[in-house]
Amino acid sequence: MEKEDLKLTSSEIGTLWGEYVNGTAVDIVNQYMLSTIEDEKIKMLFEDAVKIFGKQKNQIKIFIEKEGFPIPVGFTDSDLNKGTERLFSDIFCLHYLHIMTLHGLIGHSTSLSSSVRKDLRYFYDSCNNDGIKMYHQTIELLLEKGHFQRDPYFYPDKSPEFVSGQQFLDGYFGEKRPLAATEIIALSLNLKKKIMEKSLSIAFSQVTQSQDVRKFLKNTQNTSDQQIQLLSKILKGDNLPVPMSWESEVTTSQDSPFSDKLMLYHIGFLLQSAQSYHGAGLASAMRLDLVTTYEKIILKNLMVTEDWFNIMTKYKWLEQPPLAPNRKNISKEK
């Protein structure tokens, strides 16, 4: 069967819908940052990012329209307040682009794994290729500017070793074993995501117009900080370095470049995306204190996400994704 004879499945429509809404949110932030950046090399990366998403956005619209579904509202120029004071330093913008590129790569890979139709698979292939290129470019520029903190180094053992007993799992009683390299992967990644989450919460809380949003963002900031401390404590327990903070790269501006809807949505997106990273950390954890730390973080984030949902729905800011047909209601209408 030719690709044009295959209707898009619910999973394929769902991934396109998510890519559009999340992509337009990040794109508005990228457009704002591009308008403020002074460093020419960083500016060039943002110009590429905006251009690349513009092409992806148009293709997503074509896919959705051909299936007869409405194009999501997502986020538009109405969510961007032009000519406002600067909120982020150039370096913060570069860190932001790097972290959002990581989110994009994972999102594209997930979308690809849910896609069957050939043209859609090739589309996500091209998205991945663009993301991989941007990933390399952001790292190279962060390294060049001395702002990329690499994960901790290990000294090699003389030979492979095998787990010898139950004490390998202990984390509370007796002497803790050192962290495994596989556990540090998740700790480091989760910390970097939490640091970005906290920094954006600080920035957005300074400029939001809504008291509800400001209160939520301040709570999110405190929650992120507590979770950063929990994860950092584990690394410090093995005398390992923790990723640097970016809070000082946020200016003191109170002039909002974004709509309250966009800022609240963006933090919610980071909170929900973080759950998958926390889950991966939990799955890789083989020390009891790590397991309980991730469980605590996951449960707390669920509570915070509920607060986020309540505010988004209160102001009718949360766009509804396509739903399966309600067969019970359809049968009642006959």
C-alpha atoms as a PDB file:
ATOM      1  CA  MET A   1       0.000   0.000   0.000  1.00  0.00           C
ATOM      2  CA  GLU A   2       1.308   3.444  -0.933  1.00  0.00           C
ATOM      3  CA  LYS A   3       2.024   5.921   1.832  1.00  0.00           C
ATOM      4  CA  GLU A   4      -0.781   8.242   0.725  1.00  0.00           C
ATOM      5  CA  ASP A   5      -3.303   5.391   1.133  1.00  0.00           C
ATOM      6  CA  LEU A   6      -2.431   4.984   4.815  1.00  0.00           C
ATOM      7  CA  LYS A   7      -4.397   7.149   7.216  1.00  0.00           C
ATOM      8  CA  LEU A   8      -2.451   8.501  10.163  1.00  0.00           C
ATOM      9  CA  THR A   9      -3.020   6.517  13.348  1.00  0.00           C
ATOM     10  CA  SER A  10      -4.051   8.035  16.671  1.00  0.00           C
ATOM     11  CA  SER A  11      -0.427   7.773  17.855  1.00  0.00           C
ATOM     12  CA  GLU A  12       0.852   9.562  14.762  1.00  0.00           C
ATOM     13  CA  ILE A  13      -1.695  12.362  15.100  1.00  0.00           C
ATOM     14  CA  GLY A  14      -0.852  12.612  18.807  1.00  0.00           C
ATOM     15  CA  THR A  15       2.869  12.994  18.184  1.00  0.00           C
ATOM     16  CA  LEU A  16       2.298  15.619  15.479  1.00  0.00           C
ATOM     17  CA  TRP A  17      -0.024  17.542  17.799  1.00  0.00           C
ATOM     18  CA  GLY A  18       2.536  17.441  20.631  1.00  0.00           C
ATOM     19  CA  GLU A  19       5.430  18.395  18.364  1.00  0.00           C
ATOM     20  CA  TYR A  20       3.454  21.407  17.115  1.00  0.00           C
ATOM     21  CA  VAL A  21       2.308  22.752  20.504  1.00  0.00           C
ATOM     22  CA  ASN A  22       5.614  22.177  22.321  1.00  0.00           C
ATOM     23  CA  GLY A  23       7.609  23.373  19.329  1.00  0.00           C
ATOM     24  CA  THR A  24       5.707  26.655  19.002  1.00  0.00           C
ATOM     25  CA  ALA A  25       6.213  27.364  22.723  1.00  0.00           C
ATOM     26  CA  VAL A  26       9.980  26.926  22.498  1.00  0.00           C
ATOM     27  CA  ASP A  27      10.082  28.791  19.182  1.00  0.00           C
ATOM     28  CA  ILE A  28       8.575  31.924  20.754  1.00  0.00           C
ATOM     29  CA  VAL A  29      11.283  31.848  23.437  1.00  0.00           C
ATOM     30  CA  ASN A  30      13.946  31.312  20.756  1.00  0.00           C
ATOM     31  CA  GLN A  31      12.639  34.270  18.765  1.00  0.00           C
ATOM     32  CA  TYR A  32      12.791  36.501  21.815  1.00  0.00           C
ATOM     33  CA  MET A  33      16.293  35.361  22.738  1.00  0.00           C
ATOM     34  CA  LEU A  34      17.447  35.914  19.151  1.00  0.00           C
ATOM     35  CA  SER A  35      16.273  39.537  19.367  1.00  0.00           C
ATOM     36  CA  THR A  36      18.414  40.169  22.483  1.00  0.00           C
ATOM     37  CA  ILE A  37      21.605  38.164  21.840  1.00  0.00           C
ATOM     38  CA  GLU A  38      24.755  40.184  21.167  1.00  0.00           C
ATOM     39  CA  ASP A  39      27.284  37.371  20.615  1.00  0.00           C
ATOM     40  CA  GLU A  40      27.422  36.701  16.872  1.00  0.00           C
ATOM     41  CA  LYS A  41      28.184  32.975  17.147  1.00  0.00           C
ATOM     42  CA  ILE A  42      25.307  32.349  19.550  1.00  0.00           C
ATOM     43  CA  LYS A  43      23.012  34.490  17.398  1.00  0.00           C
ATOM     44  CA  MET A  44      23.812  32.364  14.336  1.00  0.00           C
ATOM     45  CA  LEU A  45      22.727  29.193  16.161  1.00  0.00           C
ATOM     46  CA  PHE A  46      19.430  30.793  17.157  1.00  0.00           C
ATOM     47  CA  GLU A  47      18.848  31.994  13.614  1.00  0.00           C
ATOM     48  CA  ASP A  48      19.286  28.395  12.454  1.00  0.00           C
ATOM     49  CA  ALA A  49      16.990  27.089  15.216  1.00  0.00           C
ATOM     50  CA  VAL A  50      14.177  29.494  14.267  1.00  0.00           C
ATOM     51  CA  LYS A  51      14.593  28.737  10.567  1.00  0.00           C
ATOM     52  CA  ILE A  52      14.625  24.964  11.109  1.00  0.00           C
ATOM     53  CA  PHE A  53      11.491  24.971  13.233  1.00  0.00           C
ATOM     54  CA  GLY A  54       9.735  27.196  10.693  1.00  0.00           C
ATOM     55  CA  LYS A  55      10.156  24.441   8.086  1.00  0.00           C
ATOM     56  CA  GLN A  56       9.134  21.712  10.541  1.00  0.00           C
ATOM     57  CA  LYS A  57       6.063  23.672  11.613  1.00  0.00           C
ATOM     58  CA  ASN A  58       4.873  24.055   8.022  1.00  0.00           C
ATOM     59  CA  GLN A  59       5.297  20.334   7.351  1.00  0.00           C
ATOM     60  CA  ILE A  60       3.430  19.376  10.529  1.00  0.00           C
ATOM     61  CA  LYS A  61       0.538  21.636   9.447  1.00  0.00           C
ATOM     62  CA  ILE A  62       0.405  19.867   6.080  1.00  0.00           C
ATOM     63  CA  PHE A  63       0.273  16.428   7.739  1.00  0.00           C
ATOM     64  CA  ILE A  64      -2.506  17.470  10.117  1.00  0.00           C
ATOM     65  CA  GLU A  65      -4.596  19.343   7.538  1.00  0.00           C
ATOM     66  CA  LYS A  66      -4.537  16.441   5.079  1.00  0.00           C
ATOM     67  CA  GLU A  67      -6.081  14.222   7.759  1.00  0.00           C
ATOM     68  CA  GLY A  68      -8.897  16.696   8.330  1.00  0.00           C
ATOM     69  CA  PHE A  69      -7.850  17.659  11.870  1.00  0.00           C
ATOM     70  CA  PRO A  70      -7.771  21.302  13.026  1.00  0.00           C
ATOM     71  CA  ILE A  71      -4.339  22.886  13.371  1.00  0.00           C
ATOM     72  CA  PRO A  72      -3.549  23.401  17.087  1.00  0.00           C
ATOM     73  CA  VAL A  73      -3.458  26.986  18.319  1.00  0.00           C
ATOM     74  CA  GLY A  74      -0.185  26.393  20.134  1.00  0.00           C
ATOM     75  CA  PHE A  75       1.734  29.629  20.640  1.00  0.00           C
ATOM     76  CA  THR A  76       1.941  32.589  18.280  1.00  0.00           C
ATOM     77  CA  ASP A  77       3.325  36.115  18.020  1.00  0.00           C
ATOM     78  CA  SER A  78       0.520  37.183  20.380  1.00  0.00           C
ATOM     79  CA  ASP A  79       2.455  35.388  23.155  1.00  0.00           C
ATOM     80  CA  LEU A  80       5.560  37.502  22.493  1.00  0.00           C
ATOM     81  CA  ASN A  81       5.902  41.063  23.777  1.00  0.00           C
ATOM     82  CA  LYS A  82       8.482  42.731  21.565  1.00  0.00           C
ATOM     83  CA  GLY A  83      10.787  45.514  22.691  1.00  0.00           C
ATOM     84  CA  THR A  84      10.946  44.454  26.341  1.00  0.00           C
ATOM     85  CA  GLU A  85      14.010  44.649  28.579  1.00  0.00           C
ATOM     86  CA  ARG A  86      16.532  41.863  28.437  1.00  0.00           C
ATOM     87  CA  LEU A  87      15.751  38.915  30.743  1.00  0.00           C
ATOM     88  CA  PHE A  88      18.580  36.457  29.951  1.00  0.00           C
ATOM     89  CA  SER A  89      22.315  36.684  29.269  1.00  0.00           C
ATOM     90  CA  ASP A  90      23.774  35.338  26.034  1.00  0.00           C
ATOM     91  CA  ILE A  91      25.277  32.362  27.880  1.00  0.00           C
ATOM     92  CA  PHE A  92      21.962  31.473  29.470  1.00  0.00           C
ATOM     93  CA  CYS A  93      20.362  31.545  26.017  1.00  0.00           C
ATOM     94  CA  LEU A  94      23.011  29.126  24.754  1.00  0.00           C
ATOM     95  CA  HIS A  95      22.392  26.772  27.689  1.00  0.00           C
ATOM     96  CA  TYR A  96      18.661  27.015  27.008  1.00  0.00           C
ATOM     97  CA  LEU A  97      19.123  26.097  23.349  1.00  0.00           C
ATOM     98  CA  HIS A  98      21.283  23.124  24.335  1.00  0.00           C
ATOM     99  CA  ILE A  99      18.771  21.780  26.875  1.00  0.00           C
ATOM    100  CA  MET A 100      15.798  22.305  24.550  1.00  0.00           C
ATOM    101  CA  THR A 101      17.728  20.542  21.782  1.00  0.00           C
ATOM    102  CA  LEU A 102      18.089  17.542  24.094  1.00  0.00           C
ATOM    103  CA  HIS A 103      14.331  17.593  24.736  1.00  0.00           C
ATOM    104  CA  GLY A 104      13.727  17.857  21.002  1.00  0.00           C
ATOM    105  CA  LEU A 105      15.949  14.888  20.191  1.00  0.00           C
ATOM    106  CA  ILE A 106      14.132  12.696  22.693  1.00  0.00           C
ATOM    107  CA  GLY A 107      10.761  13.951  21.434  1.00  0.00           C
ATOM    108  CA  HIS A 108      11.629  13.273  17.786  1.00  0.00           C
ATOM    109  CA  SER A 109      12.901   9.780  18.620  1.00  0.00           C
ATOM    110  CA  THR A 110       9.696   9.008  20.531  1.00  0.00           C
ATOM    111  CA  SER A 111       7.610  10.315  17.633  1.00  0.00           C
ATOM    112  CA  LEU A 112       9.621   8.240  15.168  1.00  0.00           C
ATOM    113  CA  SER A 113       9.111   5.079  17.218  1.00  0.00           C
ATOM    114  CA  SER A 114       5.328   5.683  17.099  1.00  0.00           C
ATOM    115  CA  SER A 115       5.238   6.295  13.329  1.00  0.00           C
ATOM    116  CA  VAL A 116       4.532   3.763  10.596  1.00  0.00           C
ATOM    117  CA  ARG A 117       3.786   5.827   7.514  1.00  0.00           C
ATOM    118  CA  LYS A 118       6.894   6.312   5.398  1.00  0.00           C
ATOM    119  CA  ASP A 119       6.632  10.057   4.813  1.00  0.00           C
ATOM    120  CA  LEU A 120       6.158  10.661   8.543  1.00  0.00           C
ATOM    121  CA  ARG A 121       9.125   8.454   9.427  1.00  0.00           C
ATOM    122  CA  TYR A 122      11.307  10.355   6.981  1.00  0.00           C
ATOM    123  CA  PHE A 123      10.082  13.647   8.420  1.00  0.00           C
ATOM    124  CA  TYR A 124      11.142  12.660  11.946  1.00  0.00           C
ATOM    125  CA  ASP A 125      14.440  11.392  10.524  1.00  0.00           C
ATOM    126  CA  SER A 126      15.100  14.879   9.164  1.00  0.00           C
ATOM    127  CA  CYS A 127      14.043  16.443  12.502  1.00  0.00           C
ATOM    128  CA  ASN A 128      16.475  14.157  14.299  1.00  0.00           C
ATOM    129  CA  ASN A 129      19.274  15.024  11.883  1.00  0.00           C
ATOM    130  CA  ASP A 130      18.693  18.737  12.443  1.00  0.00           C
ATOM    131  CA  GLY A 131      18.606  18.160  16.200  1.00  0.00           C
ATOM    132  CA  ILE A 132      21.828  16.144  16.180  1.00  0.00           C
ATOM    133  CA  LYS A 133      23.586  18.899  14.260  1.00  0.00           C
ATOM    134  CA  MET A 134      22.335  21.529  16.705  1.00  0.00           C
ATOM    135  CA  TYR A 135      23.369  19.328  19.647  1.00  0.00           C
ATOM    136  CA  HIS A 136      26.949  19.200  18.358  1.00  0.00           C
ATOM    137  CA  GLN A 137      26.998  22.931  17.647  1.00  0.00           C
ATOM    138  CA  THR A 138      25.712  23.971  21.082  1.00  0.00           C
ATOM    139  CA  ILE A 139      28.235  21.735  22.860  1.00  0.00           C
ATOM    140  CA  GLU A 140      31.130  22.977  20.732  1.00  0.00           C
ATOM    141  CA  LEU A 141      30.231  26.609  21.415  1.00  0.00           C
ATOM    142  CA  LEU A 142      29.715  26.022  25.153  1.00  0.00           C
ATOM    143  CA  LEU A 143      33.113  24.300  25.298  1.00  0.00           C
ATOM    144  CA  GLU A 144      34.715  27.122  23.324  1.00  0.00           C
ATOM    145  CA  LYS A 145      33.347  29.676  25.772  1.00  0.00           C
ATOM    146  CA  GLY A 146      34.304  27.610  28.831  1.00  0.00           C
ATOM    147  CA  HIS A 147      30.703  27.163  29.977  1.00  0.00           C
ATOM    148  CA  PHE A 148      30.148  23.436  29.497  1.00  0.00           C
ATOM    149  CA  GLN A 149      30.653  21.403  32.632  1.00  0.00           C
ATOM    150  CA  ARG A 150      31.432  17.813  31.791  1.00  0.00           C
ATOM    151  CA  ASP A 151      30.277  14.931  33.970  1.00  0.00           C
ATOM    152  CA  PRO A 152      32.651  13.561  36.663  1.00  0.00           C
ATOM    153  CA  TYR A 153      35.736  11.618  35.595  1.00  0.00           C
ATOM    154  CA  PHE A 154      36.431   8.052  36.713  1.00  0.00           C
ATOM    155  CA  TYR A 155      39.756   6.298  37.150  1.00  0.00           C
ATOM    156  CA  PRO A 156      39.751   2.879  35.485  1.00  0.00           C
ATOM    157  CA  ASP A 157      39.833  -0.396  37.445  1.00  0.00           C
ATOM    158  CA  LYS A 158      42.465  -2.968  36.644  1.00  0.00           C
ATOM    159  CA  SER A 159      39.894  -5.561  35.571  1.00  0.00           C
ATOM    160  CA  PRO A 160      36.097  -6.092  35.367  1.00  0.00           C
ATOM    161  CA  GLU A 161      34.353  -6.887  38.648  1.00  0.00           C
ATOM    162  CA  PHE A 162      31.054  -8.579  39.580  1.00  0.00           C
ATOM    163  CA  VAL A 163      28.547  -7.707  42.287  1.00  0.00           C
ATOM    164  CA  SER A 164      29.366  -9.875  45.289  1.00  0.00           C
ATOM    165  CA  GLY A 165      26.343  -9.447  47.558  1.00  0.00           C
ATOM    166  CA  GLN A 166      23.287  -7.635  48.848  1.00  0.00           C
ATOM    167  CA  GLN A 167      25.377  -4.781  50.233  1.00  0.00           C
ATOM    168  CA  PHE A 168      25.651  -3.445  46.682  1.00  0.00           C
ATOM    169  CA  LEU A 169      22.034  -2.278  47.046  1.00  0.00           C
ATOM    170  CA  ASP A 170      22.408  -0.681  50.469  1.00  0.00           C
ATOM    171  CA  GLY A 171      22.227   3.081  50.809  1.00  0.00           C
ATOM    172  CA  TYR A 172      21.036   3.711  54.338  1.00  0.00           C
ATOM    173  CA  PHE A 173      22.574   1.138  56.655  1.00  0.00           C
ATOM    174  CA  GLY A 174      26.249   0.360  56.819  1.00  0.00           C
ATOM    175  CA  GLU A 175      28.860   1.792  54.494  1.00  0.00           C
ATOM    176  CA  LYS A 176      27.536   2.997  51.134  1.00  0.00           C
ATOM    177  CA  ARG A 177      29.290   1.782  48.048  1.00  0.00           C
ATOM    178  CA  PRO A 178      30.479   4.463  45.589  1.00  0.00           C
ATOM    179  CA  LEU A 179      28.076   5.529  42.866  1.00  0.00           C
ATOM    180  CA  ALA A 180      28.104   3.474  39.692  1.00  0.00           C
ATOM    181  CA  ALA A 181      28.823   5.175  36.358  1.00  0.00           C
ATOM    182  CA  THR A 182      25.360   4.130  35.157  1.00  0.00           C
ATOM    183  CA  GLU A 183      23.790   5.934  38.134  1.00  0.00           C
ATOM    184  CA  ILE A 184      25.785   9.117  37.559  1.00  0.00           C
ATOM    185  CA  ILE A 185      24.378   9.429  34.018  1.00  0.00           C
ATOM    186  CA  ALA A 186      20.863   9.988  35.384  1.00  0.00           C
ATOM    187  CA  LEU A 187      21.989  12.107  38.342  1.00  0.00           C
ATOM    188  CA  SER A 188      23.890  14.515  36.131  1.00  0.00           C
ATOM    189  CA  LEU A 189      21.158  14.768  33.489  1.00  0.00           C
ATOM    190  CA  ASN A 190      18.408  15.263  36.064  1.00  0.00           C
ATOM    191  CA  LEU A 191      20.419  17.975  37.799  1.00  0.00           C
ATOM    192  CA  LYS A 192      20.974  19.911  34.569  1.00  0.00           C
ATOM    193  CA  LYS A 193      17.251  19.766  33.780  1.00  0.00           C
ATOM    194  CA  LYS A 194      16.363  20.873  37.323  1.00  0.00           C
ATOM    195  CA  ILE A 195      18.795  23.779  37.154  1.00  0.00           C
ATOM    196  CA  MET A 196      17.166  25.012  33.933  1.00  0.00           C
ATOM    197  CA  GLU A 197      13.703  24.518  35.465  1.00  0.00           C
ATOM    198  CA  LYS A 198      14.642  26.572  38.537  1.00  0.00           C
ATOM    199  CA  SER A 199      16.312  29.345  36.516  1.00  0.00           C
ATOM    200  CA  LEU A 200      13.306  29.756  34.227  1.00  0.00           C
ATOM    201  CA  SER A 201      10.958  29.717  37.232  1.00  0.00           C
ATOM    202  CA  ILE A 202      12.974  32.579  38.754  1.00  0.00           C
ATOM    203  CA  ALA A 203      12.931  34.571  35.503  1.00  0.00           C
ATOM    204  CA  PHE A 204       9.250  34.018  34.789  1.00  0.00           C
ATOM    205  CA  SER A 205       8.189  34.796  38.381  1.00  0.00           C
ATOM    206  CA  GLN A 206       9.850  38.225  38.041  1.00  0.00           C
ATOM    207  CA  VAL A 207       7.824  39.224  34.992  1.00  0.00           C
ATOM    208  CA  THR A 208       4.450  37.462  35.188  1.00  0.00           C
ATOM    209  CA  GLN A 209       1.347  39.636  35.586  1.00  0.00           C
ATOM    210  CA  SER A 210      -0.814  36.968  37.250  1.00  0.00           C
ATOM    211  CA  GLN A 211      -0.726  36.456  41.017  1.00  0.00           C
ATOM    212  CA  ASP A 212      -1.730  32.799  40.540  1.00  0.00           C
ATOM    213  CA  VAL A 213       1.105  32.190  38.098  1.00  0.00           C
ATOM    214  CA  ARG A 214       3.617  34.058  40.278  1.00  0.00           C
ATOM    215  CA  LYS A 215       2.687  32.007  43.334  1.00  0.00           C
ATOM    216  CA  PHE A 216       2.980  28.773  41.352  1.00  0.00           C
ATOM    217  CA  LEU A 217       6.357  29.767  39.888  1.00  0.00           C
ATOM    218  CA  LYS A 218       7.753  30.650  43.313  1.00  0.00           C
ATOM    219  CA  ASN A 219       6.606  27.277  44.611  1.00  0.00           C
ATOM    220  CA  THR A 220       8.161  25.570  41.603  1.00  0.00           C
ATOM    221  CA  GLN A 221      11.392  27.440  42.225  1.00  0.00           C
ATOM    222  CA  ASN A 222      11.489  26.188  45.828  1.00  0.00           C
ATOM    223  CA  THR A 223      10.621  22.634  44.787  1.00  0.00           C
ATOM    224  CA  SER A 224      13.314  22.624  42.104  1.00  0.00           C
ATOM    225  CA  ASP A 225      15.853  23.945  44.591  1.00  0.00           C
ATOM    226  CA  GLN A 226      15.001  21.232  47.133  1.00  0.00           C
ATOM    227  CA  GLN A 227      15.346  18.545  44.491  1.00  0.00           C
ATOM    228  CA  ILE A 228      18.641  20.002  43.269  1.00  0.00           C
ATOM    229  CA  GLN A 229      19.920  19.820  46.850  1.00  0.00           C
ATOM    230  CA  LEU A 230      18.777  16.183  47.196  1.00  0.00           C
ATOM    231  CA  LEU A 231      20.522  15.076  44.008  1.00  0.00           C
ATOM    232  CA  SER A 232      23.621  17.198  44.659  1.00  0.00           C
ATOM    233  CA  LYS A 233      24.008  15.729  48.141  1.00  0.00           C
ATOM    234  CA  ILE A 234      24.316  12.257  46.639  1.00  0.00           C
ATOM    235  CA  LEU A 235      27.084  13.357  44.265  1.00  0.00           C
ATOM    236  CA  LYS A 236      28.882  15.318  46.968  1.00  0.00           C
ATOM    237  CA  GLY A 237      28.768  12.245  49.195  1.00  0.00           C
ATOM    238  CA  ASP A 238      31.242  10.663  46.766  1.00  0.00           C
ATOM    239  CA  ASN A 239      33.233  13.913  46.434  1.00  0.00           C
ATOM    240  CA  LEU A 240      31.937  14.377  42.897  1.00  0.00           C
ATOM    241  CA  PRO A 241      31.239  17.817  41.349  1.00  0.00           C
ATOM    242  CA  VAL A 242      27.708  19.041  40.665  1.00  0.00           C
ATOM    243  CA  PRO A 243      26.645  21.007  37.559  1.00  0.00           C
ATOM    244  CA  MET A 244      26.945  24.791  37.786  1.00  0.00           C
ATOM    245  CA  SER A 245      23.968  27.054  38.484  1.00  0.00           C
ATOM    246  CA  TRP A 246      22.687  29.518  35.848  1.00  0.00           C
ATOM    247  CA  GLU A 247      20.634  31.771  38.138  1.00  0.00           C
ATOM    248  CA  SER A 248      23.129  34.622  37.885  1.00  0.00           C
ATOM    249  CA  GLU A 249      22.562  34.637  34.106  1.00  0.00           C
ATOM    250  CA  VAL A 250      18.974  35.865  34.680  1.00  0.00           C
ATOM    251  CA  THR A 251      18.720  39.675  34.804  1.00  0.00           C
ATOM    252  CA  THR A 252      16.600  41.659  37.282  1.00  0.00           C
ATOM    253  CA  SER A 253      14.117  42.771  34.600  1.00  0.00           C
ATOM    254  CA  GLN A 254      10.432  42.896  35.540  1.00  0.00           C
ATOM    255  CA  ASP A 255       9.370  43.610  31.963  1.00  0.00           C
ATOM    256  CA  SER A 256       7.626  40.496  30.599  1.00  0.00           C
ATOM    257  CA  PRO A 257       8.601  39.330  27.097  1.00  0.00           C
ATOM    258  CA  PHE A 258       6.027  36.514  27.143  1.00  0.00           C
ATOM    259  CA  SER A 259       2.363  35.898  27.869  1.00  0.00           C
ATOM    260  CA  ASP A 260       1.537  34.340  31.225  1.00  0.00           C
ATOM    261  CA  LYS A 261       0.031  31.425  29.300  1.00  0.00           C
ATOM    262  CA  LEU A 262       3.331  30.666  27.563  1.00  0.00           C
ATOM    263  CA  MET A 263       5.435  30.934  30.713  1.00  0.00           C
ATOM    264  CA  LEU A 264       3.162  28.678  32.739  1.00  0.00           C
ATOM    265  CA  TYR A 265       2.885  26.157  29.899  1.00  0.00           C
ATOM    266  CA  HIS A 266       6.655  26.082  29.444  1.00  0.00           C
ATOM    267  CA  ILE A 267       7.301  25.247  33.092  1.00  0.00           C
ATOM    268  CA  GLY A 268       4.607  22.558  32.939  1.00  0.00           C
ATOM    269  CA  PHE A 269       6.276  21.099  29.860  1.00  0.00           C
ATOM    270  CA  LEU A 270       9.596  20.903  31.719  1.00  0.00           C
ATOM    271  CA  LEU A 271       7.942  19.322  34.772  1.00  0.00           C
ATOM    272  CA  GLN A 272       6.202  16.660  32.689  1.00  0.00           C
ATOM    273  CA  SER A 273       9.279  15.945  30.573  1.00  0.00           C
ATOM    274  CA  ALA A 274      11.351  15.643  33.745  1.00  0.00           C
ATOM    275  CA  GLN A 275       9.216  12.738  34.935  1.00  0.00           C
ATOM    276  CA  SER A 276      10.627  10.529  32.182  1.00  0.00           C
ATOM    277  CA  TYR A 277      14.174  11.437  33.258  1.00  0.00           C
ATOM    278  CA  HIS A 278      13.327  10.746  36.892  1.00  0.00           C
ATOM    279  CA  GLY A 279      11.832   7.410  35.836  1.00  0.00           C
ATOM    280  CA  ALA A 280      15.012   6.543  33.934  1.00  0.00           C
ATOM    281  CA  GLY A 281      17.040   7.457  37.019  1.00  0.00           C
ATOM    282  CA  LEU A 282      14.832   5.250  39.180  1.00  0.00           C
ATOM    283  CA  ALA A 283      15.196   2.360  36.729  1.00  0.00           C
ATOM    284  CA  SER A 284      18.995   2.638  36.751  1.00  0.00           C
ATOM    285  CA  ALA A 285      19.312   3.089  40.531  1.00  0.00           C
ATOM    286  CA  MET A 286      20.755   0.129  42.451  1.00  0.00           C
ATOM    287  CA  ARG A 287      21.330   1.909  45.753  1.00  0.00           C
ATOM    288  CA  LEU A 288      18.443   2.279  48.188  1.00  0.00           C
ATOM    289  CA  ASP A 289      18.977   5.987  48.898  1.00  0.00           C
ATOM    290  CA  LEU A 290      18.857   6.711  45.156  1.00  0.00           C
ATOM    291  CA  VAL A 291      15.623   4.746  44.756  1.00  0.00           C
ATOM    292  CA  THR A 292      13.872   6.606  47.579  1.00  0.00           C
ATOM    293  CA  THR A 293      15.167   9.994  46.340  1.00  0.00           C
ATOM    294  CA  TYR A 294      13.750   9.476  42.851  1.00  0.00           C
ATOM    295  CA  GLU A 295      10.458   8.198  44.272  1.00  0.00           C
ATOM    296  CA  LYS A 296      10.182  11.306  46.452  1.00  0.00           C
ATOM    297  CA  ILE A 297      10.914  13.604  43.500  1.00  0.00           C
ATOM    298  CA  ILE A 298       8.425  11.845  41.212  1.00  0.00           C
ATOM    299  CA  LEU A 299       5.619  12.024  43.797  1.00  0.00           C
ATOM    300  CA  LYS A 300       6.304  15.709  44.515  1.00  0.00           C
ATOM    301  CA  ASN A 301       6.307  16.548  40.804  1.00  0.00           C
ATOM    302  CA  LEU A 302       2.935  14.839  40.393  1.00  0.00           C
ATOM    303  CA  MET A 303       1.529  17.147  43.073  1.00  0.00           C
ATOM    304  CA  VAL A 304       3.093  20.227  41.448  1.00  0.00           C
ATOM    305  CA  THR A 305       1.771  19.204  38.031  1.00  0.00           C
ATOM    306  CA  GLU A 306      -1.746  18.984  39.472  1.00  0.00           C
ATOM    307  CA  ASP A 307      -1.444  22.600  40.660  1.00  0.00           C
ATOM    308  CA  TRP A 308      -0.203  23.552  37.183  1.00  0.00           C
ATOM    309  CA  PHE A 309      -3.171  21.812  35.558  1.00  0.00           C
ATOM    310  CA  ASN A 310      -5.638  23.615  37.810  1.00  0.00           C
ATOM    311  CA  ILE A 311      -4.259  27.055  36.897  1.00  0.00           C
ATOM    312  CA  MET A 312      -4.055  26.243  33.178  1.00  0.00           C
ATOM    313  CA  THR A 313      -7.683  25.096  33.115  1.00  0.00           C
ATOM    314  CA  LYS A 314      -8.866  27.977  35.333  1.00  0.00           C
ATOM    315  CA  TYR A 315      -7.749  30.479  32.683  1.00  0.00           C
ATOM    316  CA  LYS A 316      -8.647  28.188  29.748  1.00  0.00           C
ATOM    317  CA  TRP A 317      -5.016  28.101  28.595  1.00  0.00           C
ATOM    318  CA  LEU A 318      -4.691  24.322  28.225  1.00  0.00           C
ATOM    319  CA  GLU A 319      -5.393  23.214  24.670  1.00  0.00           C
ATOM    320  CA  GLN A 320      -7.119  19.842  24.355  1.00  0.00           C
ATOM    321  CA  PRO A 321      -5.447  17.198  22.166  1.00  0.00           C
ATOM    322  CA  PRO A 322      -7.535  15.107  19.728  1.00  0.00           C
ATOM    323  CA  LEU A 323      -9.779  12.662  21.622  1.00  0.00           C
ATOM    324  CA  ALA A 324     -10.996   9.180  20.717  1.00  0.00           C
ATOM    325  CA  PRO A 325     -14.679   9.060  19.652  1.00  0.00           C
ATOM    326  CA  ASN A 326     -17.087   8.889  22.612  1.00  0.00           C
ATOM    327  CA  ARG A 327     -19.095   5.865  21.507  1.00  0.00           C
ATOM    328  CA  LYS A 328     -21.500   6.066  24.447  1.00  0.00           C
ATOM    329  CA  ASN A 329     -22.529   9.630  23.572  1.00  0.00           C
ATOM    330  CA  ILE A 330     -22.793   8.811  19.878  1.00  0.00           C
ATOM    331  CA  SER A 331     -25.148   5.894  20.568  1.00  0.00           C
ATOM    332  CA  LYS A 332     -27.322   8.097  22.820  1.00  0.00           C
ATOM    333  CA  GLU A 333     -27.845  10.599  20.014  1.00  0.00           C
ATOM    334  CA  LYS A 334     -29.581   8.089  17.713  1.00  0.00           C
END
